[in-house]
Amino acid sequence: MLEMLEMEFMQRAWLAGLIMAVICPLIGSFLVLRRQSLIGDGLGHIAFAGVAAGALGGYSPVLSAAAATILGALAIEKVRTKLSDAADMVLAIFFYSGMGLAVIFTGLNKDGGFNLGSILFGSLMMVSSKDLLIVAALGFCTVLFVVLFYRPLQYITFDEKSAKVAGLPVERLNLLLALLTALTVALSMRIVGLLLVSAMMVIPVACALQTARSFRGTIMQSMLYGLVTVFLGLTISYYINLAPGGTIVLTGTLLFLLSCIAGTKRRAQQPVPGHCHCHICEEEGKENAR
């Protein structure tokens, strides 16, 4: 373990991976509970289109991806509020449209200009000091946003209509959350890849939902699962010489299976009489009532 951390590039890879292990589940906790688990994938395809367009026009792939994902996130959020009953359909349309644009722009580009493998799977071992600073700044902004607006975000997550009636700035908070999600996907693309970003927004949260007893517990446990996933994934990939991104995702999947077993055993020991319900929603309802 100490031998692995002696190398400077591995130190940067560990720091970047651990920061992402906190950022992605933190944002993903709100997305998953709002049934928007696939928004990371959708924005990832839009970011891919932005990269291809930037390479075609001779622009920075990171900047073009950031611009594309921000525009895509704003468009998705606007359409979602207008067509709330068809949110999954709208997301799927953006998902496939982004992929279609990426294919077209890639076909038009005869000179190349970007590495497809590094875009999809990242190059965690090639993280530079500048990349690390960008991810750290993004992590700070994300944590600050959640800390400052935790209660309103919690309210919006479970009952957006009531939050509007209560006078909360629902649209503004939704837009800010969408922008943070877009920037997380775009700025982390070159480091951990589109595959890992979207997976890390969902898998640790899915693990936490099996074992957590409250919304706050879900957030804290999802970040813990994220840290464990990255720690084990990077360690395994280094010593067995596997791709870091794929190893981290598969490690998270294994943790999800284990958390399902642990959650099933716990629920069997504490059966819920009468009817099924969401224990997280119930706990948060009691907390809000107080």
C-alpha atoms as a PDB file:
ATOM      1  CA  MET A   1       0.000   0.000   0.000  1.00  0.00           C
ATOM      2  CA  LEU A   2       2.762   2.451   1.013  1.00  0.00           C
ATOM      3  CA  GLU A   3       4.744   1.466  -2.070  1.00  0.00           C
ATOM      4  CA  MET A   4       1.808   2.460  -4.263  1.00  0.00           C
ATOM      5  CA  LEU A   5       1.515   5.886  -2.623  1.00  0.00           C
ATOM      6  CA  GLU A   6       5.204   6.677  -3.051  1.00  0.00           C
ATOM      7  CA  MET A   7       4.636   7.587  -6.710  1.00  0.00           C
ATOM      8  CA  GLU A   8       3.438  11.132  -7.350  1.00  0.00           C
ATOM      9  CA  PHE A   9       0.989  10.218 -10.110  1.00  0.00           C
ATOM     10  CA  MET A  10      -0.643   7.668  -7.822  1.00  0.00           C
ATOM     11  CA  GLN A  11      -1.007  10.275  -5.093  1.00  0.00           C
ATOM     12  CA  ARG A  12      -2.847  12.557  -7.514  1.00  0.00           C
ATOM     13  CA  ALA A  13      -4.967   9.647  -8.735  1.00  0.00           C
ATOM     14  CA  TRP A  14      -5.948   8.731  -5.164  1.00  0.00           C
ATOM     15  CA  LEU A  15      -6.821  12.318  -4.239  1.00  0.00           C
ATOM     16  CA  ALA A  16      -8.883  12.852  -7.394  1.00  0.00           C
ATOM     17  CA  GLY A  17     -10.648   9.518  -6.958  1.00  0.00           C
ATOM     18  CA  LEU A  18     -11.481  10.142  -3.300  1.00  0.00           C
ATOM     19  CA  ILE A  19     -12.823  13.627  -4.039  1.00  0.00           C
ATOM     20  CA  MET A  20     -15.047  12.172  -6.749  1.00  0.00           C
ATOM     21  CA  ALA A  21     -16.118   9.458  -4.298  1.00  0.00           C
ATOM     22  CA  VAL A  22     -17.604  12.238  -2.160  1.00  0.00           C
ATOM     23  CA  ILE A  23     -18.980  14.558  -4.851  1.00  0.00           C
ATOM     24  CA  CYS A  24     -20.813  12.004  -6.988  1.00  0.00           C
ATOM     25  CA  PRO A  25     -22.828  10.250  -4.236  1.00  0.00           C
ATOM     26  CA  LEU A  26     -23.579  13.618  -2.630  1.00  0.00           C
ATOM     27  CA  ILE A  27     -25.270  14.839  -5.804  1.00  0.00           C
ATOM     28  CA  GLY A  28     -26.578  11.380  -6.673  1.00  0.00           C
ATOM     29  CA  SER A  29     -28.480  11.109  -3.374  1.00  0.00           C
ATOM     30  CA  PHE A  30     -30.869  13.816  -4.524  1.00  0.00           C
ATOM     31  CA  LEU A  31     -31.067  12.541  -8.097  1.00  0.00           C
ATOM     32  CA  VAL A  32     -31.770   8.904  -7.213  1.00  0.00           C
ATOM     33  CA  LEU A  33     -34.503   9.702  -4.699  1.00  0.00           C
ATOM     34  CA  ARG A  34     -36.114  11.980  -7.290  1.00  0.00           C
ATOM     35  CA  ARG A  35     -36.055   9.081  -9.757  1.00  0.00           C
ATOM     36  CA  GLN A  36     -33.498  10.801 -11.980  1.00  0.00           C
ATOM     37  CA  SER A  37     -30.829   8.122 -11.724  1.00  0.00           C
ATOM     38  CA  LEU A  38     -30.069   8.192 -15.440  1.00  0.00           C
ATOM     39  CA  ILE A  39     -29.446  11.937 -15.665  1.00  0.00           C
ATOM     40  CA  GLY A  40     -25.704  11.320 -15.276  1.00  0.00           C
ATOM     41  CA  ASP A  41     -25.753   9.008 -18.281  1.00  0.00           C
ATOM     42  CA  GLY A  42     -27.871  11.466 -20.262  1.00  0.00           C
ATOM     43  CA  LEU A  43     -25.513  14.354 -19.530  1.00  0.00           C
ATOM     44  CA  GLY A  44     -22.590  12.043 -20.245  1.00  0.00           C
ATOM     45  CA  HIS A  45     -23.825  11.497 -23.786  1.00  0.00           C
ATOM     46  CA  ILE A  46     -24.373  15.227 -24.198  1.00  0.00           C
ATOM     47  CA  ALA A  47     -20.826  15.803 -22.909  1.00  0.00           C
ATOM     48  CA  PHE A  48     -19.570  13.259 -25.448  1.00  0.00           C
ATOM     49  CA  ALA A  49     -21.287  15.284 -28.168  1.00  0.00           C
ATOM     50  CA  GLY A  50     -19.619  18.426 -26.789  1.00  0.00           C
ATOM     51  CA  VAL A  51     -16.200  16.780 -26.916  1.00  0.00           C
ATOM     52  CA  ALA A  52     -16.728  15.644 -30.499  1.00  0.00           C
ATOM     53  CA  ALA A  53     -17.959  19.129 -31.495  1.00  0.00           C
ATOM     54  CA  GLY A  54     -14.964  20.751 -29.799  1.00  0.00           C
ATOM     55  CA  ALA A  55     -12.536  18.420 -31.566  1.00  0.00           C
ATOM     56  CA  LEU A  56     -14.251  19.181 -34.883  1.00  0.00           C
ATOM     57  CA  GLY A  57     -14.044  22.938 -34.327  1.00  0.00           C
ATOM     58  CA  GLY A  58     -10.588  22.962 -32.760  1.00  0.00           C
ATOM     59  CA  TYR A  59     -11.735  23.946 -29.265  1.00  0.00           C
ATOM     60  CA  SER A  60     -10.795  22.600 -25.846  1.00  0.00           C
ATOM     61  CA  PRO A  61     -12.708  19.335 -25.290  1.00  0.00           C
ATOM     62  CA  VAL A  62     -13.240  20.093 -21.588  1.00  0.00           C
ATOM     63  CA  LEU A  63     -14.664  23.567 -22.276  1.00  0.00           C
ATOM     64  CA  SER A  64     -16.862  22.349 -25.112  1.00  0.00           C
ATOM     65  CA  ALA A  65     -18.107  19.454 -22.973  1.00  0.00           C
ATOM     66  CA  ALA A  66     -18.843  21.829 -20.069  1.00  0.00           C
ATOM     67  CA  ALA A  67     -20.777  24.172 -22.352  1.00  0.00           C
ATOM     68  CA  ALA A  68     -22.758  21.293 -23.865  1.00  0.00           C
ATOM     69  CA  THR A  69     -23.633  19.712 -20.515  1.00  0.00           C
ATOM     70  CA  ILE A  70     -24.673  23.031 -18.966  1.00  0.00           C
ATOM     71  CA  LEU A  71     -26.974  23.769 -21.891  1.00  0.00           C
ATOM     72  CA  GLY A  72     -28.262  20.196 -21.798  1.00  0.00           C
ATOM     73  CA  ALA A  73     -28.889  20.314 -18.039  1.00  0.00           C
ATOM     74  CA  LEU A  74     -30.783  23.606 -18.317  1.00  0.00           C
ATOM     75  CA  ALA A  75     -32.863  22.266 -21.202  1.00  0.00           C
ATOM     76  CA  ILE A  76     -33.643  19.008 -19.383  1.00  0.00           C
ATOM     77  CA  GLU A  77     -34.678  20.874 -16.239  1.00  0.00           C
ATOM     78  CA  LYS A  78     -36.927  23.278 -18.136  1.00  0.00           C
ATOM     79  CA  VAL A  79     -38.627  20.512 -20.076  1.00  0.00           C
ATOM     80  CA  ARG A  80     -38.927  18.373 -16.943  1.00  0.00           C
ATOM     81  CA  THR A  81     -40.845  21.082 -15.115  1.00  0.00           C
ATOM     82  CA  LYS A  82     -43.202  21.529 -18.051  1.00  0.00           C
ATOM     83  CA  LEU A  83     -43.691  17.782 -18.635  1.00  0.00           C
ATOM     84  CA  SER A  84     -43.216  16.320 -15.153  1.00  0.00           C
ATOM     85  CA  ASP A  85     -45.280  13.214 -15.962  1.00  0.00           C
ATOM     86  CA  ALA A  86     -42.960  12.326 -18.834  1.00  0.00           C
ATOM     87  CA  ALA A  87     -39.597  13.145 -17.219  1.00  0.00           C
ATOM     88  CA  ASP A  88     -38.089   9.735 -18.020  1.00  0.00           C
ATOM     89  CA  MET A  89     -39.154  10.018 -21.655  1.00  0.00           C
ATOM     90  CA  VAL A  90     -37.624  13.495 -21.947  1.00  0.00           C
ATOM     91  CA  LEU A  91     -34.375  12.273 -20.432  1.00  0.00           C
ATOM     92  CA  ALA A  92     -34.267   9.347 -22.882  1.00  0.00           C
ATOM     93  CA  ILE A  93     -34.742  11.733 -25.822  1.00  0.00           C
ATOM     94  CA  PHE A  94     -31.809  13.880 -24.679  1.00  0.00           C
ATOM     95  CA  PHE A  95     -29.832  10.694 -24.042  1.00  0.00           C
ATOM     96  CA  TYR A  96     -30.186   9.453 -27.612  1.00  0.00           C
ATOM     97  CA  SER A  97     -29.937  12.916 -29.178  1.00  0.00           C
ATOM     98  CA  GLY A  98     -26.590  13.484 -27.485  1.00  0.00           C
ATOM     99  CA  MET A  99     -25.355  10.130 -28.728  1.00  0.00           C
ATOM    100  CA  GLY A 100     -26.575  10.893 -32.241  1.00  0.00           C
ATOM    101  CA  LEU A 101     -24.772  14.237 -32.303  1.00  0.00           C
ATOM    102  CA  ALA A 102     -21.598  12.616 -30.995  1.00  0.00           C
ATOM    103  CA  VAL A 103     -21.678  10.041 -33.797  1.00  0.00           C
ATOM    104  CA  ILE A 104     -22.268  12.715 -36.451  1.00  0.00           C
ATOM    105  CA  PHE A 105     -19.521  15.042 -35.192  1.00  0.00           C
ATOM    106  CA  THR A 106     -17.087  12.146 -34.875  1.00  0.00           C
ATOM    107  CA  GLY A 107     -17.857  11.065 -38.439  1.00  0.00           C
ATOM    108  CA  LEU A 108     -17.290  14.592 -39.751  1.00  0.00           C
ATOM    109  CA  ASN A 109     -13.945  14.869 -37.964  1.00  0.00           C
ATOM    110  CA  LYS A 110     -11.336  13.262 -40.220  1.00  0.00           C
ATOM    111  CA  ASP A 111      -8.378  14.483 -38.170  1.00  0.00           C
ATOM    112  CA  GLY A 112      -9.261  12.926 -34.819  1.00  0.00           C
ATOM    113  CA  GLY A 113      -8.373  15.285 -31.991  1.00  0.00           C
ATOM    114  CA  PHE A 114      -9.489  13.296 -28.944  1.00  0.00           C
ATOM    115  CA  ASN A 115      -8.951   9.914 -27.345  1.00  0.00           C
ATOM    116  CA  LEU A 116     -12.244   8.024 -27.187  1.00  0.00           C
ATOM    117  CA  GLY A 117     -11.014   5.607 -24.519  1.00  0.00           C
ATOM    118  CA  SER A 118      -9.941   8.382 -22.133  1.00  0.00           C
ATOM    119  CA  ILE A 119     -13.313  10.138 -22.588  1.00  0.00           C
ATOM    120  CA  LEU A 120     -15.394   7.062 -21.780  1.00  0.00           C
ATOM    121  CA  PHE A 121     -13.171   5.417 -19.176  1.00  0.00           C
ATOM    122  CA  GLY A 122     -10.942   8.258 -18.008  1.00  0.00           C
ATOM    123  CA  SER A 123      -7.219   8.325 -17.389  1.00  0.00           C
ATOM    124  CA  LEU A 124      -7.025   8.376 -13.617  1.00  0.00           C
ATOM    125  CA  MET A 125      -3.320   7.568 -13.626  1.00  0.00           C
ATOM    126  CA  MET A 126      -2.645  10.643 -15.795  1.00  0.00           C
ATOM    127  CA  VAL A 127      -4.249  13.209 -13.472  1.00  0.00           C
ATOM    128  CA  SER A 128      -2.255  16.449 -13.459  1.00  0.00           C
ATOM    129  CA  SER A 129      -1.975  18.987 -10.649  1.00  0.00           C
ATOM    130  CA  LYS A 130      -4.273  21.310 -12.604  1.00  0.00           C
ATOM    131  CA  ASP A 131      -6.893  18.560 -12.974  1.00  0.00           C
ATOM    132  CA  LEU A 132      -6.700  17.888  -9.249  1.00  0.00           C
ATOM    133  CA  LEU A 133      -7.239  21.559  -8.410  1.00  0.00           C
ATOM    134  CA  ILE A 134     -10.288  21.699 -10.682  1.00  0.00           C
ATOM    135  CA  VAL A 135     -11.843  18.634  -9.044  1.00  0.00           C
ATOM    136  CA  ALA A 136     -11.043  19.988  -5.558  1.00  0.00           C
ATOM    137  CA  ALA A 137     -12.715  23.322  -6.368  1.00  0.00           C
ATOM    138  CA  LEU A 138     -15.760  21.490  -7.721  1.00  0.00           C
ATOM    139  CA  GLY A 139     -15.887  19.346  -4.589  1.00  0.00           C
ATOM    140  CA  PHE A 140     -15.754  22.397  -2.332  1.00  0.00           C
ATOM    141  CA  CYS A 141     -18.582  24.122  -4.229  1.00  0.00           C
ATOM    142  CA  THR A 142     -20.723  20.966  -4.164  1.00  0.00           C
ATOM    143  CA  VAL A 143     -20.311  20.382  -0.425  1.00  0.00           C
ATOM    144  CA  LEU A 144     -20.949  24.075   0.311  1.00  0.00           C
ATOM    145  CA  PHE A 145     -24.119  24.033  -1.791  1.00  0.00           C
ATOM    146  CA  VAL A 146     -25.520  20.985  -0.004  1.00  0.00           C
ATOM    147  CA  VAL A 147     -24.613  22.311   3.453  1.00  0.00           C
ATOM    148  CA  LEU A 148     -26.213  25.698   2.808  1.00  0.00           C
ATOM    149  CA  PHE A 149     -29.385  24.369   1.191  1.00  0.00           C
ATOM    150  CA  TYR A 150     -29.758  20.969   2.841  1.00  0.00           C
ATOM    151  CA  ARG A 151     -33.249  21.505   4.269  1.00  0.00           C
ATOM    152  CA  PRO A 152     -34.771  23.045   1.102  1.00  0.00           C
ATOM    153  CA  LEU A 153     -33.164  20.320  -1.036  1.00  0.00           C
ATOM    154  CA  GLN A 154     -34.541  17.654   1.290  1.00  0.00           C
ATOM    155  CA  TYR A 155     -38.016  19.192   1.067  1.00  0.00           C
ATOM    156  CA  ILE A 156     -37.873  19.412  -2.719  1.00  0.00           C
ATOM    157  CA  THR A 157     -36.625  15.828  -3.018  1.00  0.00           C
ATOM    158  CA  PHE A 158     -39.630  14.334  -1.217  1.00  0.00           C
ATOM    159  CA  ASP A 159     -42.412  16.787  -2.116  1.00  0.00           C
ATOM    160  CA  GLU A 160     -41.641  19.392  -4.760  1.00  0.00           C
ATOM    161  CA  LYS A 161     -45.236  20.662  -5.004  1.00  0.00           C
ATOM    162  CA  SER A 162     -45.480  21.311  -1.268  1.00  0.00           C
ATOM    163  CA  ALA A 163     -42.113  23.052  -1.378  1.00  0.00           C
ATOM    164  CA  LYS A 164     -43.473  25.458  -3.992  1.00  0.00           C
ATOM    165  CA  VAL A 165     -46.527  26.138  -1.861  1.00  0.00           C
ATOM    166  CA  ALA A 166     -44.249  26.780   1.127  1.00  0.00           C
ATOM    167  CA  GLY A 167     -42.491  29.500  -0.860  1.00  0.00           C
ATOM    168  CA  LEU A 168     -39.153  27.804  -1.417  1.00  0.00           C
ATOM    169  CA  PRO A 169     -37.173  28.830  -4.541  1.00  0.00           C
ATOM    170  CA  VAL A 170     -37.748  25.424  -6.132  1.00  0.00           C
ATOM    171  CA  GLU A 171     -36.848  26.342  -9.710  1.00  0.00           C
ATOM    172  CA  ARG A 172     -33.665  28.120  -8.675  1.00  0.00           C
ATOM    173  CA  LEU A 173     -32.495  25.210  -6.516  1.00  0.00           C
ATOM    174  CA  ASN A 174     -33.330  22.701  -9.245  1.00  0.00           C
ATOM    175  CA  LEU A 175     -31.308  24.726 -11.736  1.00  0.00           C
ATOM    176  CA  LEU A 176     -28.342  24.965  -9.365  1.00  0.00           C
ATOM    177  CA  LEU A 177     -28.448  21.216  -8.747  1.00  0.00           C
ATOM    178  CA  ALA A 178     -28.650  20.578 -12.496  1.00  0.00           C
ATOM    179  CA  LEU A 179     -25.665  22.883 -13.107  1.00  0.00           C
ATOM    180  CA  LEU A 180     -23.586  21.128 -10.449  1.00  0.00           C
ATOM    181  CA  THR A 181     -24.462  17.769 -11.975  1.00  0.00           C
ATOM    182  CA  ALA A 182     -23.484  19.020 -15.433  1.00  0.00           C
ATOM    183  CA  LEU A 183     -20.162  20.436 -14.223  1.00  0.00           C
ATOM    184  CA  THR A 184     -19.384  17.233 -12.320  1.00  0.00           C
ATOM    185  CA  VAL A 185     -19.892  15.175 -15.467  1.00  0.00           C
ATOM    186  CA  ALA A 186     -17.952  17.531 -17.738  1.00  0.00           C
ATOM    187  CA  LEU A 187     -14.998  18.458 -15.536  1.00  0.00           C
ATOM    188  CA  SER A 188     -14.461  14.930 -14.267  1.00  0.00           C
ATOM    189  CA  MET A 189     -14.752  13.366 -17.707  1.00  0.00           C
ATOM    190  CA  ARG A 190     -11.071  13.406 -18.573  1.00  0.00           C
ATOM    191  CA  ILE A 191     -10.071  12.209 -15.112  1.00  0.00           C
ATOM    192  CA  VAL A 192     -12.455   9.373 -14.278  1.00  0.00           C
ATOM    193  CA  GLY A 193     -14.412   9.038 -17.527  1.00  0.00           C
ATOM    194  CA  LEU A 194     -18.077   9.336 -18.356  1.00  0.00           C
ATOM    195  CA  LEU A 195     -18.658   5.711 -17.302  1.00  0.00           C
ATOM    196  CA  LEU A 196     -17.339   6.175 -13.779  1.00  0.00           C
ATOM    197  CA  VAL A 197     -18.961   9.571 -13.138  1.00  0.00           C
ATOM    198  CA  SER A 198     -22.486   8.363 -13.887  1.00  0.00           C
ATOM    199  CA  ALA A 199     -21.934   5.038 -12.094  1.00  0.00           C
ATOM    200  CA  MET A 200     -20.594   6.759  -8.978  1.00  0.00           C
ATOM    201  CA  MET A 201     -23.713   8.935  -8.851  1.00  0.00           C
ATOM    202  CA  VAL A 202     -25.949   5.886  -8.615  1.00  0.00           C
ATOM    203  CA  ILE A 203     -24.217   2.772  -7.221  1.00  0.00           C
ATOM    204  CA  PRO A 204     -23.104   4.126  -3.795  1.00  0.00           C
ATOM    205  CA  VAL A 205     -26.550   5.677  -3.277  1.00  0.00           C
ATOM    206  CA  ALA A 206     -28.206   2.387  -4.224  1.00  0.00           C
ATOM    207  CA  CYS A 207     -26.024   0.676  -1.611  1.00  0.00           C
ATOM    208  CA  ALA A 208     -26.962   3.214   1.061  1.00  0.00           C
ATOM    209  CA  LEU A 209     -30.676   2.836   0.330  1.00  0.00           C
ATOM    210  CA  GLN A 210     -30.426  -0.798   1.390  1.00  0.00           C
ATOM    211  CA  THR A 211     -28.957  -0.068   4.814  1.00  0.00           C
ATOM    212  CA  ALA A 212     -29.729   3.564   5.772  1.00  0.00           C
ATOM    213  CA  ARG A 213     -32.615   4.541   8.030  1.00  0.00           C
ATOM    214  CA  SER A 214     -33.008   8.218   7.100  1.00  0.00           C
ATOM    215  CA  PHE A 215     -32.284  10.694   4.328  1.00  0.00           C
ATOM    216  CA  ARG A 216     -29.285  12.097   6.167  1.00  0.00           C
ATOM    217  CA  GLY A 217     -28.097   8.556   6.761  1.00  0.00           C
ATOM    218  CA  THR A 218     -28.479   7.791   3.067  1.00  0.00           C
ATOM    219  CA  ILE A 219     -26.237  10.727   2.136  1.00  0.00           C
ATOM    220  CA  MET A 220     -23.572   9.882   4.712  1.00  0.00           C
ATOM    221  CA  GLN A 221     -23.564   6.176   3.937  1.00  0.00           C
ATOM    222  CA  SER A 222     -23.516   6.773   0.169  1.00  0.00           C
ATOM    223  CA  MET A 223     -20.347   8.849   0.543  1.00  0.00           C
ATOM    224  CA  LEU A 224     -18.858   6.123   2.739  1.00  0.00           C
ATOM    225  CA  TYR A 225     -19.729   3.473   0.148  1.00  0.00           C
ATOM    226  CA  GLY A 226     -18.190   5.731  -2.511  1.00  0.00           C
ATOM    227  CA  LEU A 227     -14.936   6.063  -0.576  1.00  0.00           C
ATOM    228  CA  VAL A 228     -14.745   2.318   0.039  1.00  0.00           C
ATOM    229  CA  THR A 229     -15.494   1.619  -3.628  1.00  0.00           C
ATOM    230  CA  VAL A 230     -12.716   3.903  -4.874  1.00  0.00           C
ATOM    231  CA  PHE A 231     -10.247   2.689  -2.228  1.00  0.00           C
ATOM    232  CA  LEU A 232     -10.771  -0.979  -3.026  1.00  0.00           C
ATOM    233  CA  GLY A 233     -11.086  -0.402  -6.780  1.00  0.00           C
ATOM    234  CA  LEU A 234      -7.841   1.566  -7.065  1.00  0.00           C
ATOM    235  CA  THR A 235      -5.949  -0.885  -4.862  1.00  0.00           C
ATOM    236  CA  ILE A 236      -7.148  -3.922  -6.822  1.00  0.00           C
ATOM    237  CA  SER A 237      -6.516  -2.267 -10.189  1.00  0.00           C
ATOM    238  CA  TYR A 238      -2.962  -1.333  -9.192  1.00  0.00           C
ATOM    239  CA  TYR A 239      -1.870  -4.731  -7.903  1.00  0.00           C
ATOM    240  CA  ILE A 240      -3.668  -6.829 -10.551  1.00  0.00           C
ATOM    241  CA  ASN A 241      -2.966  -4.362 -13.374  1.00  0.00           C
ATOM    242  CA  LEU A 242      -6.599  -3.740 -14.376  1.00  0.00           C
ATOM    243  CA  ALA A 243      -8.307  -0.639 -15.778  1.00  0.00           C
ATOM    244  CA  PRO A 244      -9.076   1.637 -12.779  1.00  0.00           C
ATOM    245  CA  GLY A 245     -12.473   2.877 -14.010  1.00  0.00           C
ATOM    246  CA  GLY A 246     -13.942  -0.540 -14.724  1.00  0.00           C
ATOM    247  CA  THR A 247     -12.499  -2.021 -11.543  1.00  0.00           C
ATOM    248  CA  ILE A 248     -14.049   0.726  -9.429  1.00  0.00           C
ATOM    249  CA  VAL A 249     -17.472   0.257 -11.057  1.00  0.00           C
ATOM    250  CA  LEU A 250     -17.408  -3.533 -10.581  1.00  0.00           C
ATOM    251  CA  THR A 251     -16.270  -3.096  -6.977  1.00  0.00           C
ATOM    252  CA  GLY A 252     -19.260  -0.820  -6.416  1.00  0.00           C
ATOM    253  CA  THR A 253     -21.556  -3.413  -7.956  1.00  0.00           C
ATOM    254  CA  LEU A 254     -20.200  -6.079  -5.596  1.00  0.00           C
ATOM    255  CA  LEU A 255     -20.772  -3.752  -2.642  1.00  0.00           C
ATOM    256  CA  PHE A 256     -24.343  -3.216  -3.839  1.00  0.00           C
ATOM    257  CA  LEU A 257     -24.990  -6.969  -3.818  1.00  0.00           C
ATOM    258  CA  LEU A 258     -23.530  -7.244  -0.313  1.00  0.00           C
ATOM    259  CA  SER A 259     -25.604  -4.275   0.899  1.00  0.00           C
ATOM    260  CA  CYS A 260     -28.739  -5.913  -0.510  1.00  0.00           C
ATOM    261  CA  ILE A 261     -28.004  -9.038   1.535  1.00  0.00           C
ATOM    262  CA  ALA A 262     -27.332  -6.956   4.664  1.00  0.00           C
ATOM    263  CA  GLY A 263     -30.482  -4.903   4.128  1.00  0.00           C
ATOM    264  CA  THR A 264     -32.618  -8.002   3.598  1.00  0.00           C
ATOM    265  CA  LYS A 265     -31.361  -9.565   6.830  1.00  0.00           C
ATOM    266  CA  ARG A 266     -32.025  -6.375   8.787  1.00  0.00           C
ATOM    267  CA  ARG A 267     -35.544  -6.028   7.431  1.00  0.00           C
ATOM    268  CA  ALA A 268     -36.233  -9.698   8.184  1.00  0.00           C
ATOM    269  CA  GLN A 269     -35.270  -9.104  11.796  1.00  0.00           C
ATOM    270  CA  GLN A 270     -37.536  -6.034  11.975  1.00  0.00           C
ATOM    271  CA  PRO A 271     -40.612  -6.892   9.863  1.00  0.00           C
ATOM    272  CA  VAL A 272     -42.988  -4.092   8.921  1.00  0.00           C
ATOM    273  CA  PRO A 273     -46.605  -5.040   9.789  1.00  0.00           C
ATOM    274  CA  GLY A 274     -49.580  -4.299   7.625  1.00  0.00           C
ATOM    275  CA  HIS A 275     -48.152  -2.843   4.443  1.00  0.00           C
ATOM    276  CA  CYS A 276     -44.903  -1.907   2.769  1.00  0.00           C
ATOM    277  CA  HIS A 277     -43.595   1.630   2.961  1.00  0.00           C
ATOM    278  CA  CYS A 278     -40.401   3.598   2.494  1.00  0.00           C
ATOM    279  CA  HIS A 279     -38.585   3.722   5.847  1.00  0.00           C
ATOM    280  CA  ILE A 280     -36.459   6.663   4.707  1.00  0.00           C
ATOM    281  CA  CYS A 281     -39.507   8.716   3.723  1.00  0.00           C
ATOM    282  CA  GLU A 282     -41.190   7.821   7.030  1.00  0.00           C
ATOM    283  CA  GLU A 283     -38.208   8.854   9.132  1.00  0.00           C
ATOM    284  CA  GLU A 284     -37.888  12.139   7.269  1.00  0.00           C
ATOM    285  CA  GLY A 285     -41.598  12.798   7.653  1.00  0.00           C
ATOM    286  CA  LYS A 286     -41.292  12.389  11.426  1.00  0.00           C
ATOM    287  CA  GLU A 287     -38.255  14.664  11.498  1.00  0.00           C
ATOM    288  CA  ASN A 288     -40.027  17.377   9.478  1.00  0.00           C
ATOM    289  CA  ALA A 289     -43.095  17.094  11.677  1.00  0.00           C
ATOM    290  CA  ARG A 290     -41.002  17.853  14.732  1.00  0.00           C
END
